All heavy atoms as atom14 arrays in JSON, in Angstrom:
{
  "sequence": "PEIFGKKIEAKEMKIAMMITLLHPFLILVGTALAAGIPSETLSTLN",
  "atom14_mask": [
    [1, 1, 1, 1, 1, 1, 1, 0, 0, 0, 0, 0, 0, 0],
    [1, 1, 1, 1, 1, 1, 1, 1, 1, 0, 0, 0, 0, 0],
    [1, 1, 1, 1, 1, 1, 1, 1, 0, 0, 0, 0, 0, 0],
    [1, 1, 1, 1, 1, 1, 1, 1, 1, 1, 1, 0, 0, 0],
    [1, 1, 1, 1, 0, 0, 0, 0, 0, 0, 0, 0, 0, 0],
    [1, 1, 1, 1, 1, 1, 1, 1, 1, 0, 0, 0, 0, 0],
    [1, 1, 1, 1, 1, 1, 1, 1, 1, 0, 0, 0, 0, 0],
    [1, 1, 1, 1, 1, 1, 1, 1, 0, 0, 0, 0, 0, 0],
    [1, 1, 1, 1, 1, 1, 1, 1, 1, 0, 0, 0, 0, 0],
    [1, 1, 1, 1, 1, 0, 0, 0, 0, 0, 0, 0, 0, 0],
    [1, 1, 1, 1, 1, 1, 1, 1, 1, 0, 0, 0, 0, 0],
    [1, 1, 1, 1, 1, 1, 1, 1, 1, 0, 0, 0, 0, 0],
    [1, 1, 1, 1, 1, 1, 1, 1, 0, 0, 0, 0, 0, 0],
    [1, 1, 1, 1, 1, 1, 1, 1, 1, 0, 0, 0, 0, 0],
    [1, 1, 1, 1, 1, 1, 1, 1, 0, 0, 0, 0, 0, 0],
    [1, 1, 1, 1, 1, 0, 0, 0, 0, 0, 0, 0, 0, 0],
    [1, 1, 1, 1, 1, 1, 1, 1, 0, 0, 0, 0, 0, 0],
    [1, 1, 1, 1, 1, 1, 1, 1, 0, 0, 0, 0, 0, 0],
    [1, 1, 1, 1, 1, 1, 1, 1, 0, 0, 0, 0, 0, 0],
    [1, 1, 1, 1, 1, 1, 1, 0, 0, 0, 0, 0, 0, 0],
    [1, 1, 1, 1, 1, 1, 1, 1, 0, 0, 0, 0, 0, 0],
    [1, 1, 1, 1, 1, 1, 1, 1, 0, 0, 0, 0, 0, 0],
    [1, 1, 1, 1, 1, 1, 1, 1, 1, 1, 0, 0, 0, 0],
    [1, 1, 1, 1, 1, 1, 1, 0, 0, 0, 0, 0, 0, 0],
    [1, 1, 1, 1, 1, 1, 1, 1, 1, 1, 1, 0, 0, 0],
    [1, 1, 1, 1, 1, 1, 1, 1, 0, 0, 0, 0, 0, 0],
    [1, 1, 1, 1, 1, 1, 1, 1, 0, 0, 0, 0, 0, 0],
    [1, 1, 1, 1, 1, 1, 1, 1, 0, 0, 0, 0, 0, 0],
    [1, 1, 1, 1, 1, 1, 1, 0, 0, 0, 0, 0, 0, 0],
    [1, 1, 1, 1, 0, 0, 0, 0, 0, 0, 0, 0, 0, 0],
    [1, 1, 1, 1, 1, 1, 1, 0, 0, 0, 0, 0, 0, 0],
    [1, 1, 1, 1, 1, 0, 0, 0, 0, 0, 0, 0, 0, 0],
    [1, 1, 1, 1, 1, 1, 1, 1, 0, 0, 0, 0, 0, 0],
    [1, 1, 1, 1, 1, 0, 0, 0, 0, 0, 0, 0, 0, 0],
    [1, 1, 1, 1, 1, 0, 0, 0, 0, 0, 0, 0, 0, 0],
    [1, 1, 1, 1, 0, 0, 0, 0, 0, 0, 0, 0, 0, 0],
    [1, 1, 1, 1, 1, 1, 1, 1, 0, 0, 0, 0, 0, 0],
    [1, 1, 1, 1, 1, 1, 1, 0, 0, 0, 0, 0, 0, 0],
    [1, 1, 1, 1, 1, 1, 0, 0, 0, 0, 0, 0, 0, 0],
    [1, 1, 1, 1, 1, 1, 1, 1, 1, 0, 0, 0, 0, 0],
    [1, 1, 1, 1, 1, 1, 1, 0, 0, 0, 0, 0, 0, 0],
    [1, 1, 1, 1, 1, 1, 1, 1, 0, 0, 0, 0, 0, 0],
    [1, 1, 1, 1, 1, 1, 0, 0, 0, 0, 0, 0, 0, 0],
    [1, 1, 1, 1, 1, 1, 1, 0, 0, 0, 0, 0, 0, 0],
    [1, 1, 1, 1, 1, 1, 1, 1, 0, 0, 0, 0, 0, 0],
    [1, 1, 1, 1, 1, 1, 1, 1, 0, 0, 0, 0, 0, 0]
  ],
  "atom14_positions": [
    [[39.15, 197.49, 224.57], [39.71, 198.31, 225.75], [38.8, 197.9, 226.9], [37.59, 198.31, 227.02], [39.63, 199.82, 225.28], [39.49, 199.73, 223.81], [38.67, 198.47, 223.48], [0.0, 0.0, 0.0], [0.0, 0.0, 0.0], [0.0, 0.0, 0.0], [0.0, 0.0, 0.0], [0.0, 0.0, 0.0], [0.0, 0.0, 0.0], [0.0, 0.0, 0.0]],
    [[39.45, 197.39, 227.96], [38.79, 197.16, 229.21], [39.72, 197.17, 230.35], [40.94, 196.82, 230.25], [38.03, 195.75, 229.06], [38.87, 194.59, 229.02], [38.0, 193.35, 228.87], [37.11, 193.17, 228.14], [38.49, 192.42, 229.55], [0.0, 0.0, 0.0], [0.0, 0.0, 0.0], [0.0, 0.0, 0.0], [0.0, 0.0, 0.0], [0.0, 0.0, 0.0]],
    [[39.21, 197.42, 231.49], [40.04, 197.48, 232.81], [39.31, 196.84, 233.84], [38.12, 197.14, 234.01], [40.5, 198.94, 233.13], [41.34, 198.96, 234.36], [39.25, 199.8, 233.35], [42.05, 200.26, 234.61], [0.0, 0.0, 0.0], [0.0, 0.0, 0.0], [0.0, 0.0, 0.0], [0.0, 0.0, 0.0], [0.0, 0.0, 0.0], [0.0, 0.0, 0.0]],
    [[39.82, 195.81, 234.55], [39.3, 195.1, 235.6], [37.92, 194.61, 235.26], [36.92, 194.62, 236.03], [39.11, 196.02, 236.87], [40.46, 196.7, 237.3], [40.5, 197.93, 238.0], [41.66, 196.08, 237.07], [41.68, 198.45, 238.43], [42.88, 196.62, 237.49], [42.89, 197.89, 238.08], [0.0, 0.0, 0.0], [0.0, 0.0, 0.0], [0.0, 0.0, 0.0]],
    [[37.81, 194.06, 234.0], [36.47, 193.43, 233.6], [35.46, 194.47, 233.18], [34.34, 194.05, 232.98], [0.0, 0.0, 0.0], [0.0, 0.0, 0.0], [0.0, 0.0, 0.0], [0.0, 0.0, 0.0], [0.0, 0.0, 0.0], [0.0, 0.0, 0.0], [0.0, 0.0, 0.0], [0.0, 0.0, 0.0], [0.0, 0.0, 0.0], [0.0, 0.0, 0.0]],
    [[35.89, 195.66, 232.98], [34.89, 196.61, 232.59], [35.3, 197.28, 231.28], [36.44, 197.85, 231.1], [34.59, 197.79, 233.54], [34.24, 197.3, 235.05], [32.85, 196.61, 234.98], [32.55, 196.04, 236.26], [32.26, 197.02, 237.35], [0.0, 0.0, 0.0], [0.0, 0.0, 0.0], [0.0, 0.0, 0.0], [0.0, 0.0, 0.0], [0.0, 0.0, 0.0]],
    [[34.54, 197.43, 230.29], [34.79, 197.98, 228.93], [34.84, 199.47, 228.99], [33.97, 200.03, 229.52], [33.82, 197.54, 227.85], [33.8, 196.01, 227.59], [32.82, 195.65, 226.44], [32.99, 194.2, 226.16], [31.94, 193.73, 225.07], [0.0, 0.0, 0.0], [0.0, 0.0, 0.0], [0.0, 0.0, 0.0], [0.0, 0.0, 0.0], [0.0, 0.0, 0.0]],
    [[35.96, 200.01, 228.36], [36.06, 201.45, 228.27], [35.42, 201.96, 226.84], [35.82, 201.38, 225.77], [37.52, 201.84, 228.19], [38.32, 201.26, 229.41], [37.71, 203.36, 228.11], [37.8, 201.89, 230.73], [0.0, 0.0, 0.0], [0.0, 0.0, 0.0], [0.0, 0.0, 0.0], [0.0, 0.0, 0.0], [0.0, 0.0, 0.0], [0.0, 0.0, 0.0]],
    [[34.35, 202.7, 226.96], [33.68, 203.04, 225.76], [33.74, 204.62, 225.59], [34.44, 205.3, 226.22], [32.21, 202.66, 225.87], [32.07, 201.08, 225.98], [30.75, 200.6, 226.19], [30.07, 201.01, 227.04], [30.23, 199.79, 225.28], [0.0, 0.0, 0.0], [0.0, 0.0, 0.0], [0.0, 0.0, 0.0], [0.0, 0.0, 0.0], [0.0, 0.0, 0.0]],
    [[32.99, 205.01, 224.6], [33.2, 206.37, 224.18], [32.89, 207.45, 225.19], [33.61, 208.52, 225.41], [32.22, 206.66, 223.01], [0.0, 0.0, 0.0], [0.0, 0.0, 0.0], [0.0, 0.0, 0.0], [0.0, 0.0, 0.0], [0.0, 0.0, 0.0], [0.0, 0.0, 0.0], [0.0, 0.0, 0.0], [0.0, 0.0, 0.0], [0.0, 0.0, 0.0]],
    [[31.89, 207.2, 226.08], [31.58, 208.11, 227.12], [32.76, 208.33, 228.18], [33.06, 209.47, 228.39], [30.25, 207.73, 227.9], [29.74, 208.67, 228.96], [28.44, 208.22, 229.51], [27.37, 208.16, 228.53], [26.09, 207.89, 229.23], [0.0, 0.0, 0.0], [0.0, 0.0, 0.0], [0.0, 0.0, 0.0], [0.0, 0.0, 0.0], [0.0, 0.0, 0.0]],
    [[33.38, 207.18, 228.63], [34.47, 207.3, 229.53], [35.6, 208.03, 228.88], [36.43, 208.8, 229.47], [34.87, 205.88, 229.99], [33.82, 205.15, 230.78], [32.73, 204.55, 230.03], [33.06, 204.06, 228.9], [31.62, 204.49, 230.49], [0.0, 0.0, 0.0], [0.0, 0.0, 0.0], [0.0, 0.0, 0.0], [0.0, 0.0, 0.0], [0.0, 0.0, 0.0]],
    [[35.93, 207.78, 227.5], [37.03, 208.28, 226.83], [36.78, 209.87, 226.74], [37.8, 210.62, 226.91], [37.22, 207.7, 225.51], [37.97, 206.39, 225.56], [39.62, 206.59, 226.27], [40.31, 207.86, 225.08], [0.0, 0.0, 0.0], [0.0, 0.0, 0.0], [0.0, 0.0, 0.0], [0.0, 0.0, 0.0], [0.0, 0.0, 0.0], [0.0, 0.0, 0.0]],
    [[35.59, 210.27, 226.47], [35.35, 211.68, 226.28], [35.51, 212.49, 227.59], [36.24, 213.5, 227.7], [33.96, 211.96, 225.73], [33.75, 211.58, 224.38], [32.19, 211.77, 223.96], [31.88, 211.37, 222.63], [30.46, 211.44, 222.31], [0.0, 0.0, 0.0], [0.0, 0.0, 0.0], [0.0, 0.0, 0.0], [0.0, 0.0, 0.0], [0.0, 0.0, 0.0]],
    [[35.19, 211.84, 228.71], [35.44, 212.53, 230.02], [36.91, 212.59, 230.25], [37.5, 213.56, 230.79], [34.57, 211.73, 231.09], [33.06, 211.78, 230.92], [34.99, 212.21, 232.46], [32.33, 210.88, 231.89], [0.0, 0.0, 0.0], [0.0, 0.0, 0.0], [0.0, 0.0, 0.0], [0.0, 0.0, 0.0], [0.0, 0.0, 0.0], [0.0, 0.0, 0.0]],
    [[37.55, 211.41, 230.06], [39.08, 211.44, 230.29], [39.79, 212.39, 229.52], [40.73, 213.1, 230.0], [39.51, 209.9, 230.05], [0.0, 0.0, 0.0], [0.0, 0.0, 0.0], [0.0, 0.0, 0.0], [0.0, 0.0, 0.0], [0.0, 0.0, 0.0], [0.0, 0.0, 0.0], [0.0, 0.0, 0.0], [0.0, 0.0, 0.0], [0.0, 0.0, 0.0]],
    [[39.37, 212.56, 228.22], [40.16, 213.5, 227.45], [39.85, 214.95, 227.9], [40.78, 215.83, 227.75], [39.71, 213.3, 225.89], [40.37, 212.14, 225.23], [42.2, 212.19, 225.46], [42.59, 213.64, 224.63], [0.0, 0.0, 0.0], [0.0, 0.0, 0.0], [0.0, 0.0, 0.0], [0.0, 0.0, 0.0], [0.0, 0.0, 0.0], [0.0, 0.0, 0.0]],
    [[38.58, 215.23, 228.23], [38.24, 216.61, 228.76], [39.02, 216.87, 230.02], [39.6, 218.12, 230.13], [36.77, 216.74, 229.02], [35.95, 216.81, 227.69], [34.31, 217.25, 227.96], [33.6, 215.77, 228.88], [0.0, 0.0, 0.0], [0.0, 0.0, 0.0], [0.0, 0.0, 0.0], [0.0, 0.0, 0.0], [0.0, 0.0, 0.0], [0.0, 0.0, 0.0]],
    [[39.17, 216.01, 230.9], [39.99, 216.14, 232.13], [41.46, 216.34, 231.8], [42.15, 217.17, 232.35], [39.77, 215.07, 233.11], [38.26, 214.95, 233.58], [40.6, 215.25, 234.34], [37.79, 216.4, 234.09], [0.0, 0.0, 0.0], [0.0, 0.0, 0.0], [0.0, 0.0, 0.0], [0.0, 0.0, 0.0], [0.0, 0.0, 0.0], [0.0, 0.0, 0.0]],
    [[41.93, 215.59, 230.78], [43.34, 215.59, 230.55], [43.68, 216.95, 229.9], [44.75, 217.6, 230.11], [43.71, 214.52, 229.51], [43.38, 213.3, 230.07], [45.21, 214.56, 229.08], [0.0, 0.0, 0.0], [0.0, 0.0, 0.0], [0.0, 0.0, 0.0], [0.0, 0.0, 0.0], [0.0, 0.0, 0.0], [0.0, 0.0, 0.0], [0.0, 0.0, 0.0]],
    [[42.83, 217.53, 228.96], [43.03, 218.8, 228.4], [42.84, 220.04, 229.29], [43.3, 221.15, 228.95], [42.29, 218.89, 226.99], [42.64, 217.85, 226.04], [41.67, 218.0, 224.77], [44.12, 217.99, 225.53], [0.0, 0.0, 0.0], [0.0, 0.0, 0.0], [0.0, 0.0, 0.0], [0.0, 0.0, 0.0], [0.0, 0.0, 0.0], [0.0, 0.0, 0.0]],
    [[42.02, 219.77, 230.27], [41.61, 220.86, 231.12], [42.88, 221.56, 231.85], [42.93, 222.72, 232.03], [40.58, 220.44, 232.25], [40.18, 221.57, 233.39], [39.44, 222.59, 232.72], [39.58, 220.82, 234.48], [0.0, 0.0, 0.0], [0.0, 0.0, 0.0], [0.0, 0.0, 0.0], [0.0, 0.0, 0.0], [0.0, 0.0, 0.0], [0.0, 0.0, 0.0]],
    [[43.79, 220.66, 232.34], [44.87, 221.21, 233.09], [45.74, 222.09, 232.27], [46.09, 223.16, 232.74], [45.6, 219.85, 233.54], [46.7, 220.22, 234.49], [46.55, 220.94, 235.67], [48.06, 219.94, 234.52], [47.79, 221.06, 236.29], [48.55, 220.47, 235.63], [0.0, 0.0, 0.0], [0.0, 0.0, 0.0], [0.0, 0.0, 0.0], [0.0, 0.0, 0.0]],
    [[46.22, 221.64, 231.11], [46.99, 222.53, 230.33], [46.27, 223.77, 229.85], [46.73, 224.91, 229.73], [47.45, 221.72, 229.03], [46.63, 220.58, 229.1], [46.24, 220.37, 230.48], [0.0, 0.0, 0.0], [0.0, 0.0, 0.0], [0.0, 0.0, 0.0], [0.0, 0.0, 0.0], [0.0, 0.0, 0.0], [0.0, 0.0, 0.0], [0.0, 0.0, 0.0]],
    [[44.94, 223.65, 229.54], [44.17, 224.8, 229.2], [44.1, 225.88, 230.33], [44.32, 227.09, 229.95], [42.72, 224.34, 229.01], [41.65, 225.41, 228.63], [41.56, 225.96, 227.44], [40.94, 225.95, 229.62], [40.72, 226.99, 227.08], [39.92, 227.04, 229.39], [39.91, 227.52, 228.03], [0.0, 0.0, 0.0], [0.0, 0.0, 0.0], [0.0, 0.0, 0.0]],
    [[43.9, 225.56, 231.58], [43.81, 226.42, 232.66], [45.18, 227.09, 232.81], [45.27, 228.37, 232.94], [43.42, 225.75, 233.91], [42.12, 225.29, 234.05], [41.89, 224.48, 235.27], [41.03, 226.33, 233.97], [0.0, 0.0, 0.0], [0.0, 0.0, 0.0], [0.0, 0.0, 0.0], [0.0, 0.0, 0.0], [0.0, 0.0, 0.0], [0.0, 0.0, 0.0]],
    [[46.37, 226.42, 232.67], [47.58, 226.91, 232.93], [47.96, 227.85, 231.74], [48.48, 229.03, 231.99], [48.67, 225.75, 232.91], [48.38, 224.99, 234.27], [50.19, 226.39, 232.96], [49.32, 223.75, 234.35], [0.0, 0.0, 0.0], [0.0, 0.0, 0.0], [0.0, 0.0, 0.0], [0.0, 0.0, 0.0], [0.0, 0.0, 0.0], [0.0, 0.0, 0.0]],
    [[47.84, 227.52, 230.54], [48.37, 228.3, 229.29], [47.51, 229.4, 229.14], [47.92, 230.56, 228.89], [48.47, 227.41, 228.16], [49.43, 226.05, 228.29], [49.43, 225.24, 227.07], [50.74, 226.65, 228.58], [0.0, 0.0, 0.0], [0.0, 0.0, 0.0], [0.0, 0.0, 0.0], [0.0, 0.0, 0.0], [0.0, 0.0, 0.0], [0.0, 0.0, 0.0]],
    [[46.11, 229.32, 229.27], [45.27, 230.33, 229.03], [45.5, 231.5, 230.12], [45.49, 232.68, 229.84], [43.77, 229.88, 229.0], [42.8, 231.12, 229.05], [43.51, 229.18, 227.75], [0.0, 0.0, 0.0], [0.0, 0.0, 0.0], [0.0, 0.0, 0.0], [0.0, 0.0, 0.0], [0.0, 0.0, 0.0], [0.0, 0.0, 0.0], [0.0, 0.0, 0.0]],
    [[45.63, 230.99, 231.36], [45.87, 231.93, 232.51], [47.21, 232.76, 232.25], [47.15, 233.92, 232.49], [0.0, 0.0, 0.0], [0.0, 0.0, 0.0], [0.0, 0.0, 0.0], [0.0, 0.0, 0.0], [0.0, 0.0, 0.0], [0.0, 0.0, 0.0], [0.0, 0.0, 0.0], [0.0, 0.0, 0.0], [0.0, 0.0, 0.0], [0.0, 0.0, 0.0]],
    [[48.22, 231.94, 231.84], [49.58, 232.69, 231.62], [49.43, 233.64, 230.49], [50.08, 234.78, 230.47], [50.54, 231.62, 231.39], [50.65, 230.73, 232.53], [51.94, 232.35, 231.26], [0.0, 0.0, 0.0], [0.0, 0.0, 0.0], [0.0, 0.0, 0.0], [0.0, 0.0, 0.0], [0.0, 0.0, 0.0], [0.0, 0.0, 0.0], [0.0, 0.0, 0.0]],
    [[48.69, 233.16, 229.45], [48.55, 234.07, 228.31], [47.81, 235.48, 228.64], [48.17, 236.54, 228.21], [47.83, 233.38, 227.03], [0.0, 0.0, 0.0], [0.0, 0.0, 0.0], [0.0, 0.0, 0.0], [0.0, 0.0, 0.0], [0.0, 0.0, 0.0], [0.0, 0.0, 0.0], [0.0, 0.0, 0.0], [0.0, 0.0, 0.0], [0.0, 0.0, 0.0]],
    [[46.75, 235.23, 229.48], [45.94, 236.43, 229.97], [46.86, 237.32, 230.72], [46.85, 238.54, 230.54], [44.74, 235.89, 230.85], [43.94, 236.94, 231.39], [43.12, 237.6, 230.3], [42.9, 236.3, 232.33], [0.0, 0.0, 0.0], [0.0, 0.0, 0.0], [0.0, 0.0, 0.0], [0.0, 0.0, 0.0], [0.0, 0.0, 0.0], [0.0, 0.0, 0.0]],
    [[47.68, 236.77, 231.66], [48.62, 237.54, 232.34], [49.65, 238.32, 231.56], [49.87, 239.48, 231.71], [49.29, 236.72, 233.5], [0.0, 0.0, 0.0], [0.0, 0.0, 0.0], [0.0, 0.0, 0.0], [0.0, 0.0, 0.0], [0.0, 0.0, 0.0], [0.0, 0.0, 0.0], [0.0, 0.0, 0.0], [0.0, 0.0, 0.0], [0.0, 0.0, 0.0]],
    [[50.18, 237.65, 230.51], [51.14, 238.27, 229.68], [50.48, 239.37, 228.69], [51.1, 240.21, 228.25], [51.77, 237.25, 228.7], [0.0, 0.0, 0.0], [0.0, 0.0, 0.0], [0.0, 0.0, 0.0], [0.0, 0.0, 0.0], [0.0, 0.0, 0.0], [0.0, 0.0, 0.0], [0.0, 0.0, 0.0], [0.0, 0.0, 0.0], [0.0, 0.0, 0.0]],
    [[49.19, 239.07, 228.4], [48.46, 239.94, 227.54], [47.88, 241.19, 228.18], [47.37, 242.08, 227.54], [0.0, 0.0, 0.0], [0.0, 0.0, 0.0], [0.0, 0.0, 0.0], [0.0, 0.0, 0.0], [0.0, 0.0, 0.0], [0.0, 0.0, 0.0], [0.0, 0.0, 0.0], [0.0, 0.0, 0.0], [0.0, 0.0, 0.0], [0.0, 0.0, 0.0]],
    [[47.98, 241.35, 229.5], [47.54, 242.55, 230.32], [48.69, 243.05, 231.08], [48.73, 242.87, 232.34], [46.26, 242.18, 231.24], [45.32, 241.36, 230.47], [45.7, 243.54, 231.77], [44.09, 240.97, 231.29], [0.0, 0.0, 0.0], [0.0, 0.0, 0.0], [0.0, 0.0, 0.0], [0.0, 0.0, 0.0], [0.0, 0.0, 0.0], [0.0, 0.0, 0.0]],
    [[49.65, 243.69, 230.42], [50.79, 244.08, 231.09], [50.67, 245.13, 232.18], [51.4, 245.25, 233.19], [51.68, 244.69, 229.94], [50.84, 244.9, 228.81], [49.62, 243.91, 228.99], [0.0, 0.0, 0.0], [0.0, 0.0, 0.0], [0.0, 0.0, 0.0], [0.0, 0.0, 0.0], [0.0, 0.0, 0.0], [0.0, 0.0, 0.0], [0.0, 0.0, 0.0]],
    [[49.46, 245.93, 232.07], [49.2, 247.01, 232.99], [48.93, 246.43, 234.26], [48.95, 247.03, 235.42], [48.07, 247.81, 232.56], [46.9, 246.97, 232.28], [0.0, 0.0, 0.0], [0.0, 0.0, 0.0], [0.0, 0.0, 0.0], [0.0, 0.0, 0.0], [0.0, 0.0, 0.0], [0.0, 0.0, 0.0], [0.0, 0.0, 0.0], [0.0, 0.0, 0.0]],
    [[48.45, 245.1, 234.33], [48.0, 244.44, 235.59], [49.15, 243.54, 236.18], [49.05, 243.25, 237.35], [46.82, 243.64, 235.38], [45.53, 244.27, 234.97], [44.91, 245.05, 236.16], [45.38, 244.71, 237.26], [44.14, 245.93, 235.85], [0.0, 0.0, 0.0], [0.0, 0.0, 0.0], [0.0, 0.0, 0.0], [0.0, 0.0, 0.0], [0.0, 0.0, 0.0]],
    [[50.17, 243.19, 235.31], [51.17, 242.09, 235.83], [52.54, 242.61, 235.78], [53.26, 242.14, 236.62], [51.01, 240.93, 234.83], [51.23, 241.35, 233.48], [49.58, 240.32, 234.94], [0.0, 0.0, 0.0], [0.0, 0.0, 0.0], [0.0, 0.0, 0.0], [0.0, 0.0, 0.0], [0.0, 0.0, 0.0], [0.0, 0.0, 0.0], [0.0, 0.0, 0.0]],
    [[52.97, 243.48, 234.83], [54.44, 243.84, 234.78], [54.9, 244.42, 236.1], [56.08, 244.12, 236.58], [54.66, 244.69, 233.71], [54.5, 244.18, 232.2], [54.95, 245.19, 231.26], [55.45, 242.92, 232.09], [0.0, 0.0, 0.0], [0.0, 0.0, 0.0], [0.0, 0.0, 0.0], [0.0, 0.0, 0.0], [0.0, 0.0, 0.0], [0.0, 0.0, 0.0]],
    [[54.17, 245.2, 236.71], [54.6, 245.85, 237.96], [54.69, 244.8, 239.15], [55.3, 245.19, 240.13], [53.61, 247.02, 238.38], [52.34, 246.44, 238.62], [0.0, 0.0, 0.0], [0.0, 0.0, 0.0], [0.0, 0.0, 0.0], [0.0, 0.0, 0.0], [0.0, 0.0, 0.0], [0.0, 0.0, 0.0], [0.0, 0.0, 0.0], [0.0, 0.0, 0.0]],
    [[54.12, 243.7, 238.98], [54.09, 242.74, 240.11], [55.26, 241.76, 240.01], [55.49, 240.98, 240.93], [52.83, 241.92, 240.17], [52.81, 241.07, 238.94], [51.66, 242.77, 240.35], [0.0, 0.0, 0.0], [0.0, 0.0, 0.0], [0.0, 0.0, 0.0], [0.0, 0.0, 0.0], [0.0, 0.0, 0.0], [0.0, 0.0, 0.0], [0.0, 0.0, 0.0]],
    [[56.03, 241.88, 238.83], [57.11, 240.89, 238.62], [58.43, 241.37, 239.25], [58.69, 242.57, 239.17], [57.29, 240.65, 237.15], [56.28, 240.06, 236.4], [56.52, 239.93, 234.83], [55.89, 238.64, 236.86], [0.0, 0.0, 0.0], [0.0, 0.0, 0.0], [0.0, 0.0, 0.0], [0.0, 0.0, 0.0], [0.0, 0.0, 0.0], [0.0, 0.0, 0.0]],
    [[59.1, 240.46, 239.93], [60.47, 241.01, 240.48], [61.54, 240.8, 239.48], [62.64, 241.33, 239.66], [60.77, 240.03, 241.72], [61.88, 240.46, 242.5], [61.97, 241.76, 242.71], [62.87, 239.65, 242.92], [0.0, 0.0, 0.0], [0.0, 0.0, 0.0], [0.0, 0.0, 0.0], [0.0, 0.0, 0.0], [0.0, 0.0, 0.0], [0.0, 0.0, 0.0]]
  ]
}
């Protein structure tokens, strides 16, 4: 695995995977937290 003459190794892949998984983690955990605390969120929904 290489791009533009540079080899892709374990360190680059670990960073890429962490960034890839961060986005869904923030969205899904945040939504789960909102759904799990109805006293804070239900009254704000239209």
